[in-house]
């Protein structure tokens, strides 16, 4: 009888266990979330460290990217929803123990904070936009108020940026049923990766050599820290259960070996690290443009590999548990 139940249940959509529930939209969102976090963090940090003149692009122009990029990430989340008309239900409750609930409400706070951050330097960074806003009395008042409260607004963006960056990793690590995700290293790793991608964007967009040099040095340190966290992640897996070791095996000779070591580590981290270190001694157009692009690529690959491999690691052997032939063998005397 139980065999018939399994056979009938497996004929229904989304009943039979599948390896991939999250598709390309989620890695893109996680990458964009980390990038947005880094933009908010560095824009605020440069103000708080009184480096606005040394890093004019990061403080005056880069903050505009935060709400735009985040909106693309929100679109990815919307596309991933199976029941898109019910998206409003995220905001009818707040679940203290749910990382997804924390993230949903935090994203609502990010928008006003990032917009106020833009307004603190909008007259210097985007004069054309400031002229449009200044046409209205309420607009002039908001810009003037934002400029007077520049440092408090910077602190709010700094804290929200750190939360957003680390939340994208905690979101995955909270899934204890997935051995590859179930580690406290993912939160800090995703935060550092997001900061690194934002630093790369600052190098790409900046026009002053001092700003290039500053964020290249910052990025070198962040990539070194990211490599250390990746090492810690691998050590964590190697000292875990049999299923943790099986997940590690996918990176050490398994299906994900080439993409992890050859594409992500070599091309997305080590190569740009070496090129950035070379650019600190002698800079040219190639060393300014190529390493940031590789770092942005590496930041995305980290999320893609993590999401895909995490969905293939599980505490349950679906192939055995839902194998009808095995159930028939058990039924036979």
C-alpha atoms as a PDB file:
ATOM      1  CA  UNK A   1       0.000   0.000   0.000  1.00  0.00           C
ATOM      2  CA  UNK A   2       2.766   2.428   0.874  1.00  0.00           C
ATOM      3  CA  UNK A   3       4.337   1.768  -2.526  1.00  0.00           C
ATOM      4  CA  UNK A   4       1.119   2.888  -4.239  1.00  0.00           C
ATOM      5  CA  UNK A   5       1.114   6.074  -2.168  1.00  0.00           C
ATOM      6  CA  UNK A   6       4.658   6.885  -3.259  1.00  0.00           C
ATOM      7  CA  UNK A   7       3.854   6.150  -6.910  1.00  0.00           C
ATOM      8  CA  UNK A   8       0.764   8.364  -6.880  1.00  0.00           C
ATOM      9  CA  UNK A   9       2.483  11.162  -4.969  1.00  0.00           C
ATOM     10  CA  UNK A  10       5.408  11.256  -7.388  1.00  0.00           C
ATOM     11  CA  UNK A  11       2.970  11.859 -10.256  1.00  0.00           C
ATOM     12  CA  UNK A  12       2.168  15.291  -8.792  1.00  0.00           C
ATOM     13  CA  UNK A  13       4.338  18.329  -9.654  1.00  0.00           C
ATOM     14  CA  UNK A  14       6.853  19.514  -7.011  1.00  0.00           C
ATOM     15  CA  UNK A  15       6.298  16.392  -4.866  1.00  0.00           C
ATOM     16  CA  UNK A  16       9.233  14.328  -6.066  1.00  0.00           C
ATOM     17  CA  UNK A  17      12.476  15.724  -4.552  1.00  0.00           C
ATOM     18  CA  UNK A  18      14.572  17.743  -6.973  1.00  0.00           C
ATOM     19  CA  UNK A  19      18.177  18.925  -6.842  1.00  0.00           C
ATOM     20  CA  UNK A  20      17.614  22.467  -8.111  1.00  0.00           C
ATOM     21  CA  UNK A  21      14.867  24.562  -6.555  1.00  0.00           C
ATOM     22  CA  UNK A  22      16.784  27.839  -6.844  1.00  0.00           C
ATOM     23  CA  UNK A  23      17.923  28.716 -10.331  1.00  0.00           C
ATOM     24  CA  UNK A  24      19.995  31.556 -11.842  1.00  0.00           C
ATOM     25  CA  UNK A  25      17.909  34.311 -10.235  1.00  0.00           C
ATOM     26  CA  UNK A  26      19.139  33.576  -6.699  1.00  0.00           C
ATOM     27  CA  UNK A  27      22.913  33.682  -7.409  1.00  0.00           C
ATOM     28  CA  UNK A  28      22.364  36.948  -9.301  1.00  0.00           C
ATOM     29  CA  UNK A  29      20.416  38.383  -6.361  1.00  0.00           C
ATOM     30  CA  UNK A  30      23.060  37.294  -3.847  1.00  0.00           C
ATOM     31  CA  UNK A  31      25.781  38.890  -5.985  1.00  0.00           C
ATOM     32  CA  UNK A  32      23.822  42.121  -6.385  1.00  0.00           C
ATOM     33  CA  UNK A  33      23.014  42.196  -2.674  1.00  0.00           C
ATOM     34  CA  UNK A  34      26.693  41.910  -1.787  1.00  0.00           C
ATOM     35  CA  UNK A  35      27.642  44.584  -4.330  1.00  0.00           C
ATOM     36  CA  UNK A  36      24.976  46.949  -2.954  1.00  0.00           C
ATOM     37  CA  UNK A  37      26.243  46.337   0.569  1.00  0.00           C
ATOM     38  CA  UNK A  38      29.790  47.191  -0.484  1.00  0.00           C
ATOM     39  CA  UNK A  39      28.670  50.380  -2.249  1.00  0.00           C
ATOM     40  CA  UNK A  40      26.843  51.555   0.868  1.00  0.00           C
ATOM     41  CA  UNK A  41      29.752  50.618   3.109  1.00  0.00           C
ATOM     42  CA  UNK A  42      32.509  52.374   1.189  1.00  0.00           C
ATOM     43  CA  UNK A  43      30.473  55.459   0.382  1.00  0.00           C
ATOM     44  CA  UNK A  44      29.795  55.869   4.090  1.00  0.00           C
ATOM     45  CA  UNK A  45      33.283  54.879   5.245  1.00  0.00           C
ATOM     46  CA  UNK A  46      34.987  57.498   3.071  1.00  0.00           C
ATOM     47  CA  UNK A  47      32.772  60.210   4.573  1.00  0.00           C
ATOM     48  CA  UNK A  48      33.365  59.045   8.139  1.00  0.00           C
ATOM     49  CA  UNK A  49      37.126  58.860   7.516  1.00  0.00           C
ATOM     50  CA  UNK A  50      37.107  62.373   5.977  1.00  0.00           C
ATOM     51  CA  UNK A  51      38.386  61.056   2.633  1.00  0.00           C
ATOM     52  CA  UNK A  52      35.737  62.684   0.439  1.00  0.00           C
ATOM     53  CA  UNK A  53      38.323  64.671  -1.504  1.00  0.00           C
ATOM     54  CA  UNK A  54      40.629  61.685  -1.935  1.00  0.00           C
ATOM     55  CA  UNK A  55      37.761  59.466  -3.137  1.00  0.00           C
ATOM     56  CA  UNK A  56      35.297  61.792  -4.914  1.00  0.00           C
ATOM     57  CA  UNK A  57      33.724  59.088  -7.095  1.00  0.00           C
ATOM     58  CA  UNK A  58      33.059  56.778  -4.146  1.00  0.00           C
ATOM     59  CA  UNK A  59      31.402  59.464  -2.011  1.00  0.00           C
ATOM     60  CA  UNK A  60      29.653  61.577  -4.654  1.00  0.00           C
ATOM     61  CA  UNK A  61      28.745  59.316  -7.565  1.00  0.00           C
ATOM     62  CA  UNK A  62      28.924  55.664  -6.479  1.00  0.00           C
ATOM     63  CA  UNK A  63      26.011  55.896  -3.950  1.00  0.00           C
ATOM     64  CA  UNK A  64      23.582  56.419  -6.845  1.00  0.00           C
ATOM     65  CA  UNK A  65      24.343  52.849  -7.936  1.00  0.00           C
ATOM     66  CA  UNK A  66      23.044  51.349  -4.664  1.00  0.00           C
ATOM     67  CA  UNK A  67      19.249  51.722  -5.112  1.00  0.00           C
ATOM     68  CA  UNK A  68      19.508  51.056  -8.862  1.00  0.00           C
ATOM     69  CA  UNK A  69      21.516  47.850  -8.440  1.00  0.00           C
ATOM     70  CA  UNK A  70      19.373  46.742  -5.503  1.00  0.00           C
ATOM     71  CA  UNK A  71      16.224  47.180  -7.598  1.00  0.00           C
ATOM     72  CA  UNK A  72      17.687  44.733 -10.119  1.00  0.00           C
ATOM     73  CA  UNK A  73      18.261  42.309  -7.246  1.00  0.00           C
ATOM     74  CA  UNK A  74      14.679  42.710  -6.064  1.00  0.00           C
ATOM     75  CA  UNK A  75      13.545  41.960  -9.607  1.00  0.00           C
ATOM     76  CA  UNK A  76      15.535  38.704  -9.461  1.00  0.00           C
ATOM     77  CA  UNK A  77      13.738  37.739  -6.250  1.00  0.00           C
ATOM     78  CA  UNK A  78      10.394  38.563  -7.816  1.00  0.00           C
ATOM     79  CA  UNK A  79      11.164  36.429 -10.869  1.00  0.00           C
ATOM     80  CA  UNK A  80      12.088  33.524  -8.578  1.00  0.00           C
ATOM     81  CA  UNK A  81       8.726  33.539  -6.784  1.00  0.00           C
ATOM     82  CA  UNK A  82       6.297  30.824  -7.786  1.00  0.00           C
ATOM     83  CA  UNK A  83       3.286  32.888  -6.669  1.00  0.00           C
ATOM     84  CA  UNK A  84       4.296  36.416  -7.612  1.00  0.00           C
ATOM     85  CA  UNK A  85       0.992  38.042  -6.646  1.00  0.00           C
ATOM     86  CA  UNK A  86       1.600  37.034  -3.013  1.00  0.00           C
ATOM     87  CA  UNK A  87       4.869  38.929  -2.605  1.00  0.00           C
ATOM     88  CA  UNK A  88       3.126  41.417  -0.297  1.00  0.00           C
ATOM     89  CA  UNK A  89       2.735  38.665   2.324  1.00  0.00           C
ATOM     90  CA  UNK A  90       6.404  39.072   3.246  1.00  0.00           C
ATOM     91  CA  UNK A  91       5.425  42.348   4.888  1.00  0.00           C
ATOM     92  CA  UNK A  92       2.377  41.219   6.834  1.00  0.00           C
ATOM     93  CA  UNK A  93       4.512  39.631   9.546  1.00  0.00           C
ATOM     94  CA  UNK A  94       7.960  39.667  11.101  1.00  0.00           C
ATOM     95  CA  UNK A  95       9.489  36.340  12.115  1.00  0.00           C
ATOM     96  CA  UNK A  96      12.349  36.868  14.554  1.00  0.00           C
ATOM     97  CA  UNK A  97      13.892  33.452  13.887  1.00  0.00           C
ATOM     98  CA  UNK A  98      13.704  33.726  10.085  1.00  0.00           C
ATOM     99  CA  UNK A  99      16.716  35.215   8.243  1.00  0.00           C
ATOM    100  CA  UNK A 100      14.506  35.708   5.188  1.00  0.00           C
ATOM    101  CA  UNK A 101      12.083  37.814   7.224  1.00  0.00           C
ATOM    102  CA  UNK A 102      14.944  39.925   8.595  1.00  0.00           C
ATOM    103  CA  UNK A 103      16.282  40.404   5.095  1.00  0.00           C
ATOM    104  CA  UNK A 104      12.918  41.369   3.636  1.00  0.00           C
ATOM    105  CA  UNK A 105      12.413  44.151   6.171  1.00  0.00           C
ATOM    106  CA  UNK A 106      16.045  45.292   6.010  1.00  0.00           C
ATOM    107  CA  UNK A 107      15.732  45.788   2.250  1.00  0.00           C
ATOM    108  CA  UNK A 108      12.898  48.230   2.909  1.00  0.00           C
ATOM    109  CA  UNK A 109      15.232  50.282   5.136  1.00  0.00           C
ATOM    110  CA  UNK A 110      18.044  50.218   2.600  1.00  0.00           C
ATOM    111  CA  UNK A 111      16.125  52.264   0.043  1.00  0.00           C
ATOM    112  CA  UNK A 112      15.530  55.445   2.091  1.00  0.00           C
ATOM    113  CA  UNK A 113      19.004  55.221   3.647  1.00  0.00           C
ATOM    114  CA  UNK A 114      20.725  54.896   0.259  1.00  0.00           C
ATOM    115  CA  UNK A 115      18.641  57.704  -1.275  1.00  0.00           C
ATOM    116  CA  UNK A 116      19.531  60.052   1.596  1.00  0.00           C
ATOM    117  CA  UNK A 117      23.162  59.075   1.029  1.00  0.00           C
ATOM    118  CA  UNK A 118      22.888  60.190  -2.593  1.00  0.00           C
ATOM    119  CA  UNK A 119      21.431  63.530  -1.518  1.00  0.00           C
ATOM    120  CA  UNK A 120      24.329  64.309   0.837  1.00  0.00           C
ATOM    121  CA  UNK A 121      26.568  64.994  -2.172  1.00  0.00           C
ATOM    122  CA  UNK A 122      24.045  65.268  -5.014  1.00  0.00           C
ATOM    123  CA  UNK A 123      24.943  68.885  -5.816  1.00  0.00           C
ATOM    124  CA  UNK A 124      28.607  67.972  -6.275  1.00  0.00           C
ATOM    125  CA  UNK A 125      28.123  64.530  -7.811  1.00  0.00           C
ATOM    126  CA  UNK A 126      25.063  64.990 -10.004  1.00  0.00           C
ATOM    127  CA  UNK A 127      24.390  68.732 -10.551  1.00  0.00           C
ATOM    128  CA  UNK A 128      21.726  68.020 -13.176  1.00  0.00           C
ATOM    129  CA  UNK A 129      19.787  65.873 -10.702  1.00  0.00           C
ATOM    130  CA  UNK A 130      20.203  68.475  -7.962  1.00  0.00           C
ATOM    131  CA  UNK A 131      18.766  71.171 -10.248  1.00  0.00           C
ATOM    132  CA  UNK A 132      15.687  69.045 -10.841  1.00  0.00           C
ATOM    133  CA  UNK A 133      15.165  68.462  -7.118  1.00  0.00           C
ATOM    134  CA  UNK A 134      15.921  72.089  -6.199  1.00  0.00           C
ATOM    135  CA  UNK A 135      12.987  73.265  -8.299  1.00  0.00           C
ATOM    136  CA  UNK A 136      10.717  72.204  -5.468  1.00  0.00           C
ATOM    137  CA  UNK A 137      10.865  73.728  -1.992  1.00  0.00           C
ATOM    138  CA  UNK A 138      10.517  70.329  -0.325  1.00  0.00           C
ATOM    139  CA  UNK A 139      13.336  69.016  -2.507  1.00  0.00           C
ATOM    140  CA  UNK A 140      15.716  71.824  -1.511  1.00  0.00           C
ATOM    141  CA  UNK A 141      14.828  71.279   2.135  1.00  0.00           C
ATOM    142  CA  UNK A 142      15.541  67.519   1.941  1.00  0.00           C
ATOM    143  CA  UNK A 143      18.909  68.080   0.230  1.00  0.00           C
ATOM    144  CA  UNK A 144      19.930  70.746   2.748  1.00  0.00           C
ATOM    145  CA  UNK A 145      18.879  68.501   5.635  1.00  0.00           C
ATOM    146  CA  UNK A 146      20.774  65.537   4.173  1.00  0.00           C
ATOM    147  CA  UNK A 147      23.929  67.617   3.868  1.00  0.00           C
ATOM    148  CA  UNK A 148      23.659  68.774   7.481  1.00  0.00           C
ATOM    149  CA  UNK A 149      23.096  65.183   8.657  1.00  0.00           C
ATOM    150  CA  UNK A 150      25.794  63.725   6.398  1.00  0.00           C
ATOM    151  CA  UNK A 151      27.654  61.802   9.106  1.00  0.00           C
ATOM    152  CA  UNK A 152      24.559  60.263  10.806  1.00  0.00           C
ATOM    153  CA  UNK A 153      23.320  59.198   7.378  1.00  0.00           C
ATOM    154  CA  UNK A 154      26.749  57.718   6.659  1.00  0.00           C
ATOM    155  CA  UNK A 155      26.631  55.718   9.889  1.00  0.00           C
ATOM    156  CA  UNK A 156      23.185  54.353   8.974  1.00  0.00           C
ATOM    157  CA  UNK A 157      24.452  53.296   5.531  1.00  0.00           C
ATOM    158  CA  UNK A 158      27.570  51.716   7.023  1.00  0.00           C
ATOM    159  CA  UNK A 159      25.593  49.563   9.458  1.00  0.00           C
ATOM    160  CA  UNK A 160      22.927  48.616   6.911  1.00  0.00           C
ATOM    161  CA  UNK A 161      25.648  47.782   4.394  1.00  0.00           C
ATOM    162  CA  UNK A 162      27.337  45.388   6.811  1.00  0.00           C
ATOM    163  CA  UNK A 163      24.001  43.778   7.663  1.00  0.00           C
ATOM    164  CA  UNK A 164      23.007  43.391   4.011  1.00  0.00           C
ATOM    165  CA  UNK A 165      26.401  41.944   3.073  1.00  0.00           C
ATOM    166  CA  UNK A 166      26.509  39.367   5.842  1.00  0.00           C
ATOM    167  CA  UNK A 167      22.794  38.547   5.589  1.00  0.00           C
ATOM    168  CA  UNK A 168      23.177  37.082   2.095  1.00  0.00           C
ATOM    169  CA  UNK A 169      25.498  34.441   3.564  1.00  0.00           C
ATOM    170  CA  UNK A 170      23.434  33.848   6.701  1.00  0.00           C
ATOM    171  CA  UNK A 171      20.387  33.263   4.486  1.00  0.00           C
ATOM    172  CA  UNK A 172      22.073  30.145   3.109  1.00  0.00           C
ATOM    173  CA  UNK A 173      23.836  29.008   6.280  1.00  0.00           C
ATOM    174  CA  UNK A 174      20.482  28.870   8.098  1.00  0.00           C
ATOM    175  CA  UNK A 175      19.512  25.865   5.935  1.00  0.00           C
ATOM    176  CA  UNK A 176      20.838  23.170   8.250  1.00  0.00           C
ATOM    177  CA  UNK A 177      19.564  20.472   5.871  1.00  0.00           C
ATOM    178  CA  UNK A 178      22.261  21.415   3.357  1.00  0.00           C
ATOM    179  CA  UNK A 179      25.724  20.381   4.639  1.00  0.00           C
ATOM    180  CA  UNK A 180      27.671  22.671   2.286  1.00  0.00           C
ATOM    181  CA  UNK A 181      25.698  25.727   3.426  1.00  0.00           C
ATOM    182  CA  UNK A 182      25.517  24.884   7.107  1.00  0.00           C
ATOM    183  CA  UNK A 183      28.598  26.814   8.263  1.00  0.00           C
ATOM    184  CA  UNK A 184      29.129  30.131  10.002  1.00  0.00           C
ATOM    185  CA  UNK A 185      31.844  31.045   7.480  1.00  0.00           C
ATOM    186  CA  UNK A 186      29.390  31.916   4.686  1.00  0.00           C
ATOM    187  CA  UNK A 187      28.209  35.163   6.293  1.00  0.00           C
ATOM    188  CA  UNK A 188      31.676  36.752   6.657  1.00  0.00           C
ATOM    189  CA  UNK A 189      32.769  35.286   3.304  1.00  0.00           C
ATOM    190  CA  UNK A 190      29.863  36.861   1.422  1.00  0.00           C
ATOM    191  CA  UNK A 191      30.401  40.168   3.243  1.00  0.00           C
ATOM    192  CA  UNK A 192      34.095  40.330   2.324  1.00  0.00           C
ATOM    193  CA  UNK A 193      33.332  39.270  -1.254  1.00  0.00           C
ATOM    194  CA  UNK A 194      30.696  42.010  -1.553  1.00  0.00           C
ATOM    195  CA  UNK A 195      33.119  44.617  -0.233  1.00  0.00           C
ATOM    196  CA  UNK A 196      35.731  43.425  -2.716  1.00  0.00           C
ATOM    197  CA  UNK A 197      33.361  43.764  -5.684  1.00  0.00           C
ATOM    198  CA  UNK A 198      32.378  47.283  -4.580  1.00  0.00           C
ATOM    199  CA  UNK A 199      36.050  48.255  -4.233  1.00  0.00           C
ATOM    200  CA  UNK A 200      36.597  46.947  -7.762  1.00  0.00           C
ATOM    201  CA  UNK A 201      33.706  49.110  -8.969  1.00  0.00           C
ATOM    202  CA  UNK A 202      35.284  52.129  -7.275  1.00  0.00           C
ATOM    203  CA  UNK A 203      38.539  51.454  -9.132  1.00  0.00           C
ATOM    204  CA  UNK A 204      36.652  51.182 -12.429  1.00  0.00           C
ATOM    205  CA  UNK A 205      34.662  54.375 -11.944  1.00  0.00           C
ATOM    206  CA  UNK A 206      37.228  56.583 -10.242  1.00  0.00           C
ATOM    207  CA  UNK A 207      39.171  59.178 -12.211  1.00  0.00           C
ATOM    208  CA  UNK A 208      41.800  60.232  -9.676  1.00  0.00           C
ATOM    209  CA  UNK A 209      44.978  58.173  -9.363  1.00  0.00           C
ATOM    210  CA  UNK A 210      44.821  58.569  -5.581  1.00  0.00           C
ATOM    211  CA  UNK A 211      41.395  56.921  -5.534  1.00  0.00           C
ATOM    212  CA  UNK A 212      42.611  54.089  -7.782  1.00  0.00           C
ATOM    213  CA  UNK A 213      45.584  53.506  -5.513  1.00  0.00           C
ATOM    214  CA  UNK A 214      43.496  53.637  -2.335  1.00  0.00           C
ATOM    215  CA  UNK A 215      40.893  51.120  -3.454  1.00  0.00           C
ATOM    216  CA  UNK A 216      43.426  48.866  -5.127  1.00  0.00           C
ATOM    217  CA  UNK A 217      45.229  48.553  -1.787  1.00  0.00           C
ATOM    218  CA  UNK A 218      41.915  47.958  -0.034  1.00  0.00           C
ATOM    219  CA  UNK A 219      40.950  45.295  -2.561  1.00  0.00           C
ATOM    220  CA  UNK A 220      44.280  43.489  -2.233  1.00  0.00           C
ATOM    221  CA  UNK A 221      43.622  43.150   1.484  1.00  0.00           C
ATOM    222  CA  UNK A 222      40.034  42.050   0.936  1.00  0.00           C
ATOM    223  CA  UNK A 223      40.988  39.357  -1.594  1.00  0.00           C
ATOM    224  CA  UNK A 224      43.646  38.037   0.792  1.00  0.00           C
ATOM    225  CA  UNK A 225      41.014  37.909   3.552  1.00  0.00           C
ATOM    226  CA  UNK A 226      38.558  36.217   1.192  1.00  0.00           C
ATOM    227  CA  UNK A 227      41.121  33.522   0.362  1.00  0.00           C
ATOM    228  CA  UNK A 228      41.695  32.992   4.101  1.00  0.00           C
ATOM    229  CA  UNK A 229      37.940  32.584   4.684  1.00  0.00           C
ATOM    230  CA  UNK A 230      37.684  30.126   1.790  1.00  0.00           C
ATOM    231  CA  UNK A 231      40.508  28.126   3.358  1.00  0.00           C
ATOM    232  CA  UNK A 232      38.609  28.167   6.661  1.00  0.00           C
ATOM    233  CA  UNK A 233      35.465  26.979   4.853  1.00  0.00           C
ATOM    234  CA  UNK A 234      37.350  24.031   3.342  1.00  0.00           C
ATOM    235  CA  UNK A 235      38.893  23.147   6.719  1.00  0.00           C
ATOM    236  CA  UNK A 236      35.437  23.340   8.286  1.00  0.00           C
ATOM    237  CA  UNK A 237      34.081  20.876   5.724  1.00  0.00           C
ATOM    238  CA  UNK A 238      37.070  18.555   6.112  1.00  0.00           C
ATOM    239  CA  UNK A 239      36.476  18.217   9.866  1.00  0.00           C
ATOM    240  CA  UNK A 240      32.729  17.624   9.573  1.00  0.00           C
ATOM    241  CA  UNK A 241      30.551  14.578   9.082  1.00  0.00           C
ATOM    242  CA  UNK A 242      30.677  12.117   6.215  1.00  0.00           C
ATOM    243  CA  UNK A 243      28.241  14.264   4.237  1.00  0.00           C
ATOM    244  CA  UNK A 244      30.413  17.340   4.786  1.00  0.00           C
ATOM    245  CA  UNK A 245      33.342  15.331   3.419  1.00  0.00           C
ATOM    246  CA  UNK A 246      31.241  14.304   0.422  1.00  0.00           C
ATOM    247  CA  UNK A 247      30.440  17.981  -0.240  1.00  0.00           C
ATOM    248  CA  UNK A 248      34.149  18.803   0.018  1.00  0.00           C
ATOM    249  CA  UNK A 249      34.871  15.968  -2.396  1.00  0.00           C
ATOM    250  CA  UNK A 250      32.868  17.800  -5.068  1.00  0.00           C
ATOM    251  CA  UNK A 251      35.504  20.551  -4.886  1.00  0.00           C
ATOM    252  CA  UNK A 252      38.493  18.235  -4.519  1.00  0.00           C
ATOM    253  CA  UNK A 253      38.284  15.997  -7.560  1.00  0.00           C
ATOM    254  CA  UNK A 254      34.514  16.011  -8.067  1.00  0.00           C
ATOM    255  CA  UNK A 255      32.245  17.739 -10.564  1.00  0.00           C
ATOM    256  CA  UNK A 256      32.931  21.240  -9.208  1.00  0.00           C
ATOM    257  CA  UNK A 257      36.726  21.005  -9.072  1.00  0.00           C
ATOM    258  CA  UNK A 258      37.483  22.811 -12.340  1.00  0.00           C
ATOM    259  CA  UNK A 259      34.923  25.573 -11.921  1.00  0.00           C
ATOM    260  CA  UNK A 260      35.914  26.175  -8.284  1.00  0.00           C
ATOM    261  CA  UNK A 261      39.712  26.084  -8.543  1.00  0.00           C
ATOM    262  CA  UNK A 262      40.200  26.994 -12.186  1.00  0.00           C
ATOM    263  CA  UNK A 263      37.469  29.572 -12.755  1.00  0.00           C
ATOM    264  CA  UNK A 264      36.643  31.046  -9.346  1.00  0.00           C
ATOM    265  CA  UNK A 265      39.919  30.820  -7.413  1.00  0.00           C
ATOM    266  CA  UNK A 266      42.433  31.194 -10.266  1.00  0.00           C
ATOM    267  CA  UNK A 267      40.629  33.615 -12.589  1.00  0.00           C
ATOM    268  CA  UNK A 268      38.287  35.349 -10.165  1.00  0.00           C
ATOM    269  CA  UNK A 269      40.675  35.854  -7.224  1.00  0.00           C
ATOM    270  CA  UNK A 270      44.357  34.969  -7.660  1.00  0.00           C
ATOM    271  CA  UNK A 271      44.889  36.478 -11.117  1.00  0.00           C
ATOM    272  CA  UNK A 272      43.300  39.859 -10.288  1.00  0.00           C
ATOM    273  CA  UNK A 273      45.144  39.858  -6.952  1.00  0.00           C
ATOM    274  CA  UNK A 274      48.489  39.514  -8.739  1.00  0.00           C
ATOM    275  CA  UNK A 275      47.513  42.140 -11.299  1.00  0.00           C
ATOM    276  CA  UNK A 276      46.420  44.594  -8.602  1.00  0.00           C
ATOM    277  CA  UNK A 277      49.665  44.105  -6.732  1.00  0.00           C
ATOM    278  CA  UNK A 278      51.513  44.836  -9.982  1.00  0.00           C
ATOM    279  CA  UNK A 279      49.416  47.973 -10.561  1.00  0.00           C
ATOM    280  CA  UNK A 280      50.505  49.356  -7.183  1.00  0.00           C
ATOM    281  CA  UNK A 281      54.075  49.480  -8.527  1.00  0.00           C
ATOM    282  CA  UNK A 282      53.329  50.629 -12.071  1.00  0.00           C
ATOM    283  CA  UNK A 283      49.830  51.392 -13.263  1.00  0.00           C
ATOM    284  CA  UNK A 284      48.432  51.338 -16.795  1.00  0.00           C
ATOM    285  CA  UNK A 285      45.014  51.100 -18.430  1.00  0.00           C
ATOM    286  CA  UNK A 286      45.121  47.305 -18.626  1.00  0.00           C
ATOM    287  CA  UNK A 287      45.878  46.907 -14.919  1.00  0.00           C
ATOM    288  CA  UNK A 288      43.119  49.357 -14.008  1.00  0.00           C
ATOM    289  CA  UNK A 289      40.342  47.823 -16.111  1.00  0.00           C
ATOM    290  CA  UNK A 290      40.946  44.055 -16.220  1.00  0.00           C
ATOM    291  CA  UNK A 291      41.393  43.181 -12.487  1.00  0.00           C
ATOM    292  CA  UNK A 292      38.115  44.851 -11.369  1.00  0.00           C
ATOM    293  CA  UNK A 293      36.199  43.043 -14.107  1.00  0.00           C
ATOM    294  CA  UNK A 294      37.700  39.713 -13.041  1.00  0.00           C
ATOM    295  CA  UNK A 295      36.843  40.459  -9.407  1.00  0.00           C
ATOM    296  CA  UNK A 296      33.215  41.195 -10.295  1.00  0.00           C
ATOM    297  CA  UNK A 297      33.147  37.921 -12.245  1.00  0.00           C
ATOM    298  CA  UNK A 298      34.680  36.061  -9.292  1.00  0.00           C
ATOM    299  CA  UNK A 299      32.125  37.556  -6.903  1.00  0.00           C
ATOM    300  CA  UNK A 300      29.319  36.201  -9.028  1.00  0.00           C
ATOM    301  CA  UNK A 301      30.949  32.782  -9.446  1.00  0.00           C
ATOM    302  CA  UNK A 302      31.240  32.416  -5.666  1.00  0.00           C
ATOM    303  CA  UNK A 303      27.462  32.728  -5.349  1.00  0.00           C
ATOM    304  CA  UNK A 304      26.726  30.503  -8.344  1.00  0.00           C
ATOM    305  CA  UNK A 305      28.948  27.684  -7.108  1.00  0.00           C
ATOM    306  CA  UNK A 306      27.657  27.994  -3.553  1.00  0.00           C
ATOM    307  CA  UNK A 307      23.994  27.885  -4.559  1.00  0.00           C
ATOM    308  CA  UNK A 308      24.407  25.018  -7.041  1.00  0.00           C
ATOM    309  CA  UNK A 309      26.640  22.817  -4.887  1.00  0.00           C
ATOM    310  CA  UNK A 310      24.602  23.532  -1.772  1.00  0.00           C
ATOM    311  CA  UNK A 311      21.465  22.221  -3.457  1.00  0.00           C
ATOM    312  CA  UNK A 312      23.242  18.994  -4.369  1.00  0.00           C
ATOM    313  CA  UNK A 313      24.332  18.265  -0.797  1.00  0.00           C
ATOM    314  CA  UNK A 314      21.725  16.901   1.566  1.00  0.00           C
ATOM    315  CA  UNK A 315      21.325  14.790   4.678  1.00  0.00           C
ATOM    316  CA  UNK A 316      18.758  12.582   2.912  1.00  0.00           C
ATOM    317  CA  UNK A 317      19.544  10.063   0.187  1.00  0.00           C
ATOM    318  CA  UNK A 318      16.616  10.742  -2.132  1.00  0.00           C
ATOM    319  CA  UNK A 319      17.767   8.134  -4.639  1.00  0.00           C
ATOM    320  CA  UNK A 320      17.407   5.377  -2.051  1.00  0.00           C
ATOM    321  CA  UNK A 321      14.500   6.730  -0.037  1.00  0.00           C
ATOM    322  CA  UNK A 322      12.239   7.219  -3.053  1.00  0.00           C
ATOM    323  CA  UNK A 323      13.452   4.343  -5.215  1.00  0.00           C
ATOM    324  CA  UNK A 324      10.398   2.241  -6.119  1.00  0.00           C
ATOM    325  CA  UNK A 325      12.548  -0.776  -7.016  1.00  0.00           C
ATOM    326  CA  UNK A 326      14.010  -0.807  -3.506  1.00  0.00           C
ATOM    327  CA  UNK A 327      10.511  -0.524  -2.035  1.00  0.00           C
ATOM    328  CA  UNK A 328       9.391  -3.483  -4.155  1.00  0.00           C
ATOM    329  CA  UNK A 329      12.390  -5.470  -2.905  1.00  0.00           C
ATOM    330  CA  UNK A 330      11.402  -4.734   0.675  1.00  0.00           C
ATOM    331  CA  UNK A 331       7.834  -5.858  -0.014  1.00  0.00           C
ATOM    332  CA  UNK A 332       8.886  -9.218  -1.420  1.00  0.00           C
ATOM    333  CA  UNK A 333       9.117 -12.058   1.190  1.00  0.00           C
END
